[in-house]
Structures are given as C-alpha cells and as structure tokens.
Amino acid sequence: MIKAACWPRTKQRHTAKRVFDRRVEEHGAAGVSYGLVRADVGKRRPQIRLAAGWALAEVFIEQSHQPGVGLVSDGSAIR
C-alpha cells in the first residue's frame, strides 16, 4: 500500500495518517497504533523510493586534505 502511493505528486502521496486510516478501515487493524505506522512509513519510504528509481542512494565520500592547505571554491589550493 505504501509503495503504490509513495511518490506521485505531493497532493496524491499517502501520508502516514492516510496509511493508518486505510489500515484500520480496510483491514480492521485496531491493535496498531498511529505511532507504529508513522515510524514504519518513515523508515520504508526512502527504501521504496530507491527501489523504484525515484531517489539516489546516499553516498559518503571521505575528503582528505593535506594539513595547512585550504581549498577555494574555484578548486585552487591556498596555503
């Protein structure tokens, strides 16, 4: 259900509240709390976007500079 309406235009996207309401209405999930659904949606939404090709993976590139050398925005080094 989250995957089906996770990333269309903003006005059509399922919010955690809408997912919770649909769970209760369609599946009778009375024992599920809103906080649990909200946490699950928040955790799964980036995974779904990445799997569907809607987002890029987060990449960490460690930067290393020689001591005493600063880089200027145009790429030149100053000492």
N, C-alpha and C. Protein backbone atom coordinates (compact mmCIF):
# COMPACT_ATOMS: atom_id res chain seq x y z
N MET A 1 0.82 -1.18 0.00
CA MET A 1 0.00 0.00 0.00
C MET A 1 0.87 1.25 0.00
N ILE A 2 1.94 1.25 0.77
CA ILE A 2 2.82 2.42 0.82
C ILE A 2 3.48 2.61 -0.53
N LYS A 3 3.93 1.51 -1.14
CA LYS A 3 4.65 1.60 -2.40
C LYS A 3 3.77 2.15 -3.52
N ALA A 4 2.51 1.80 -3.51
CA ALA A 4 1.61 2.22 -4.57
C ALA A 4 1.42 3.73 -4.62
N ALA A 5 1.47 4.39 -3.50
CA ALA A 5 1.20 5.83 -3.49
C ALA A 5 2.26 6.61 -2.74
N CYS A 6 3.48 6.17 -2.82
CA CYS A 6 4.55 6.80 -2.05
C CYS A 6 5.07 8.07 -2.70
N TRP A 7 5.20 8.08 -4.00
CA TRP A 7 5.91 9.19 -4.61
C TRP A 7 5.24 9.75 -5.86
N PRO A 8 3.93 9.74 -5.97
CA PRO A 8 3.36 10.54 -7.05
C PRO A 8 3.41 12.01 -6.64
N ARG A 9 2.70 12.84 -7.37
CA ARG A 9 2.70 14.25 -7.00
C ARG A 9 2.35 14.42 -5.52
N THR A 10 2.84 15.49 -4.91
CA THR A 10 2.71 15.70 -3.47
C THR A 10 1.27 15.60 -2.99
N LYS A 11 0.33 16.14 -3.70
CA LYS A 11 -1.05 16.13 -3.24
C LYS A 11 -1.65 14.72 -3.25
N GLN A 12 -1.09 13.80 -4.00
CA GLN A 12 -1.64 12.46 -4.08
C GLN A 12 -0.86 11.45 -3.23
N ARG A 13 0.19 11.88 -2.60
CA ARG A 13 1.02 10.97 -1.82
C ARG A 13 0.32 10.52 -0.54
N HIS A 14 0.48 9.28 -0.18
CA HIS A 14 -0.09 8.78 1.07
C HIS A 14 0.75 9.29 2.24
N THR A 15 0.12 9.95 3.15
CA THR A 15 0.80 10.35 4.37
C THR A 15 0.67 9.22 5.37
N ALA A 16 1.41 9.28 6.45
CA ALA A 16 1.32 8.24 7.47
C ALA A 16 -0.10 8.18 8.03
N LYS A 17 -0.75 9.32 8.14
CA LYS A 17 -2.13 9.36 8.65
C LYS A 17 -3.07 8.63 7.71
N ARG A 18 -2.91 8.83 6.41
CA ARG A 18 -3.77 8.15 5.44
C ARG A 18 -3.49 6.65 5.44
N VAL A 19 -2.23 6.26 5.56
CA VAL A 19 -1.91 4.83 5.62
C VAL A 19 -2.54 4.21 6.86
N PHE A 20 -2.44 4.90 7.99
CA PHE A 20 -3.04 4.41 9.23
C PHE A 20 -4.56 4.27 9.09
N ASP A 21 -5.20 5.30 8.56
CA ASP A 21 -6.66 5.25 8.39
C ASP A 21 -7.08 4.10 7.47
N ARG A 22 -6.34 3.88 6.39
CA ARG A 22 -6.67 2.78 5.48
C ARG A 22 -6.46 1.43 6.14
N ARG A 23 -5.41 1.30 6.95
CA ARG A 23 -5.17 0.05 7.67
C ARG A 23 -6.35 -0.30 8.56
N VAL A 24 -6.82 0.67 9.30
CA VAL A 24 -7.93 0.45 10.23
C VAL A 24 -9.21 0.15 9.45
N GLU A 25 -9.47 0.94 8.40
CA GLU A 25 -10.71 0.79 7.64
C GLU A 25 -10.76 -0.51 6.84
N GLU A 26 -9.69 -0.81 6.11
CA GLU A 26 -9.72 -1.95 5.19
C GLU A 26 -9.36 -3.27 5.85
N HIS A 27 -8.50 -3.23 6.86
CA HIS A 27 -8.01 -4.48 7.45
C HIS A 27 -8.42 -4.66 8.90
N GLY A 28 -9.12 -3.70 9.46
CA GLY A 28 -9.56 -3.82 10.85
C GLY A 28 -8.40 -3.90 11.82
N ALA A 29 -7.35 -3.19 11.54
CA ALA A 29 -6.14 -3.23 12.37
C ALA A 29 -6.32 -2.34 13.59
N ALA A 30 -7.18 -2.76 14.52
CA ALA A 30 -7.48 -1.95 15.69
C ALA A 30 -6.32 -1.94 16.68
N GLY A 31 -5.49 -2.96 16.69
CA GLY A 31 -4.40 -3.06 17.65
C GLY A 31 -3.13 -2.33 17.23
N VAL A 32 -3.16 -1.67 16.07
CA VAL A 32 -1.98 -0.98 15.56
C VAL A 32 -2.08 0.49 15.93
N SER A 33 -1.02 1.04 16.48
CA SER A 33 -1.03 2.45 16.86
C SER A 33 -0.56 3.32 15.70
N TYR A 34 -0.98 4.58 15.73
CA TYR A 34 -0.56 5.53 14.70
C TYR A 34 0.95 5.73 14.73
N GLY A 35 1.54 5.78 15.92
CA GLY A 35 2.99 5.97 16.04
C GLY A 35 3.77 4.86 15.39
N LEU A 36 3.28 3.63 15.51
CA LEU A 36 3.95 2.48 14.90
C LEU A 36 3.90 2.58 13.37
N VAL A 37 2.73 2.96 12.85
CA VAL A 37 2.58 3.11 11.40
C VAL A 37 3.45 4.25 10.89
N ARG A 38 3.45 5.37 11.63
CA ARG A 38 4.26 6.52 11.23
C ARG A 38 5.75 6.17 11.18
N ALA A 39 6.22 5.44 12.18
CA ALA A 39 7.63 5.04 12.21
C ALA A 39 7.96 4.11 11.05
N ASP A 40 7.06 3.18 10.75
CA ASP A 40 7.29 2.24 9.66
C ASP A 40 7.30 2.96 8.31
N VAL A 41 6.36 3.86 8.11
CA VAL A 41 6.31 4.62 6.86
C VAL A 41 7.57 5.46 6.70
N GLY A 42 8.00 6.10 7.77
CA GLY A 42 9.21 6.92 7.71
C GLY A 42 10.46 6.12 7.40
N LYS A 43 10.49 4.89 7.90
CA LYS A 43 11.65 4.03 7.66
C LYS A 43 11.62 3.43 6.25
N ARG A 44 10.44 3.07 5.77
CA ARG A 44 10.33 2.38 4.50
C ARG A 44 10.28 3.30 3.28
N ARG A 45 9.80 4.52 3.45
CA ARG A 45 9.64 5.42 2.30
C ARG A 45 10.95 5.63 1.53
N PRO A 46 12.10 5.91 2.18
CA PRO A 46 13.34 6.05 1.40
C PRO A 46 13.75 4.76 0.68
N GLN A 47 13.49 3.61 1.29
CA GLN A 47 13.81 2.33 0.66
C GLN A 47 12.96 2.12 -0.59
N ILE A 48 11.69 2.45 -0.49
CA ILE A 48 10.78 2.28 -1.63
C ILE A 48 11.16 3.22 -2.77
N ARG A 49 11.47 4.47 -2.43
CA ARG A 49 11.88 5.43 -3.46
C ARG A 49 13.14 4.95 -4.18
N LEU A 50 14.09 4.44 -3.44
CA LEU A 50 15.34 3.96 -4.03
C LEU A 50 15.09 2.75 -4.93
N ALA A 51 14.27 1.82 -4.47
CA ALA A 51 13.98 0.61 -5.25
C ALA A 51 13.22 0.94 -6.53
N ALA A 52 12.39 1.97 -6.48
CA ALA A 52 11.60 2.35 -7.66
C ALA A 52 12.38 3.26 -8.60
N GLY A 53 13.58 3.69 -8.21
CA GLY A 53 14.38 4.55 -9.05
C GLY A 53 14.01 6.02 -8.93
N TRP A 54 13.29 6.39 -7.88
CA TRP A 54 12.87 7.78 -7.69
C TRP A 54 13.88 8.59 -6.90
N ALA A 55 14.85 7.95 -6.30
CA ALA A 55 15.82 8.66 -5.47
C ALA A 55 17.20 8.04 -5.68
N LEU A 56 18.21 8.79 -5.36
CA LEU A 56 19.57 8.30 -5.45
C LEU A 56 20.01 7.76 -4.09
N ALA A 57 20.89 6.80 -4.11
CA ALA A 57 21.43 6.27 -2.86
C ALA A 57 22.32 7.33 -2.21
N GLU A 58 22.32 7.33 -0.90
CA GLU A 58 23.19 8.26 -0.19
C GLU A 58 24.62 7.73 -0.28
N VAL A 59 25.51 8.60 -0.65
CA VAL A 59 26.90 8.20 -0.82
C VAL A 59 27.77 9.09 0.05
N PHE A 60 28.70 8.48 0.76
CA PHE A 60 29.62 9.24 1.59
C PHE A 60 31.00 9.16 0.96
N ILE A 61 31.58 10.30 0.69
CA ILE A 61 32.93 10.37 0.13
C ILE A 61 33.79 11.09 1.16
N GLU A 62 34.74 10.37 1.70
CA GLU A 62 35.61 10.97 2.71
C GLU A 62 36.58 11.92 2.03
N GLN A 63 36.69 13.11 2.55
CA GLN A 63 37.60 14.09 1.99
C GLN A 63 38.85 14.15 2.84
N SER A 64 39.96 14.17 2.18
CA SER A 64 41.22 14.29 2.93
C SER A 64 42.04 15.42 2.30
N HIS A 65 42.52 16.29 3.15
CA HIS A 65 43.33 17.42 2.71
C HIS A 65 44.64 17.39 3.47
N GLN A 66 45.66 17.89 2.82
CA GLN A 66 46.94 17.99 3.50
C GLN A 66 46.83 19.07 4.57
N PRO A 67 47.49 18.88 5.71
CA PRO A 67 47.44 19.89 6.76
C PRO A 67 47.95 21.23 6.25
N GLY A 68 47.23 22.29 6.55
CA GLY A 68 47.65 23.63 6.17
C GLY A 68 47.25 24.05 4.77
N VAL A 69 46.55 23.21 4.06
CA VAL A 69 46.12 23.55 2.70
C VAL A 69 44.60 23.70 2.72
N GLY A 70 44.13 24.83 2.24
CA GLY A 70 42.69 25.06 2.13
C GLY A 70 42.29 25.11 0.68
N LEU A 71 41.08 24.68 0.40
CA LEU A 71 40.59 24.71 -0.98
C LEU A 71 39.63 25.87 -1.15
N VAL A 72 39.77 26.56 -2.24
CA VAL A 72 38.89 27.67 -2.58
C VAL A 72 37.81 27.13 -3.50
N SER A 73 36.68 27.82 -3.60
CA SER A 73 35.56 27.33 -4.37
C SER A 73 35.87 27.08 -5.85
N ASP A 74 36.89 27.74 -6.38
CA ASP A 74 37.22 27.51 -7.79
C ASP A 74 38.16 26.32 -7.97
N GLY A 75 38.46 25.59 -6.91
CA GLY A 75 39.29 24.39 -6.99
C GLY A 75 40.76 24.62 -6.75
N SER A 76 41.19 25.87 -6.64
CA SER A 76 42.63 26.12 -6.40
C SER A 76 42.93 25.97 -4.91
N ALA A 77 44.15 25.65 -4.62
CA ALA A 77 44.58 25.46 -3.23
C ALA A 77 45.34 26.70 -2.74
N ILE A 78 45.10 27.04 -1.49
CA ILE A 78 45.85 28.14 -0.89
C ILE A 78 46.59 27.63 0.32
N ARG A 79 47.71 28.26 0.64
CA ARG A 79 48.49 27.85 1.82
C ARG A 79 48.61 28.97 2.77
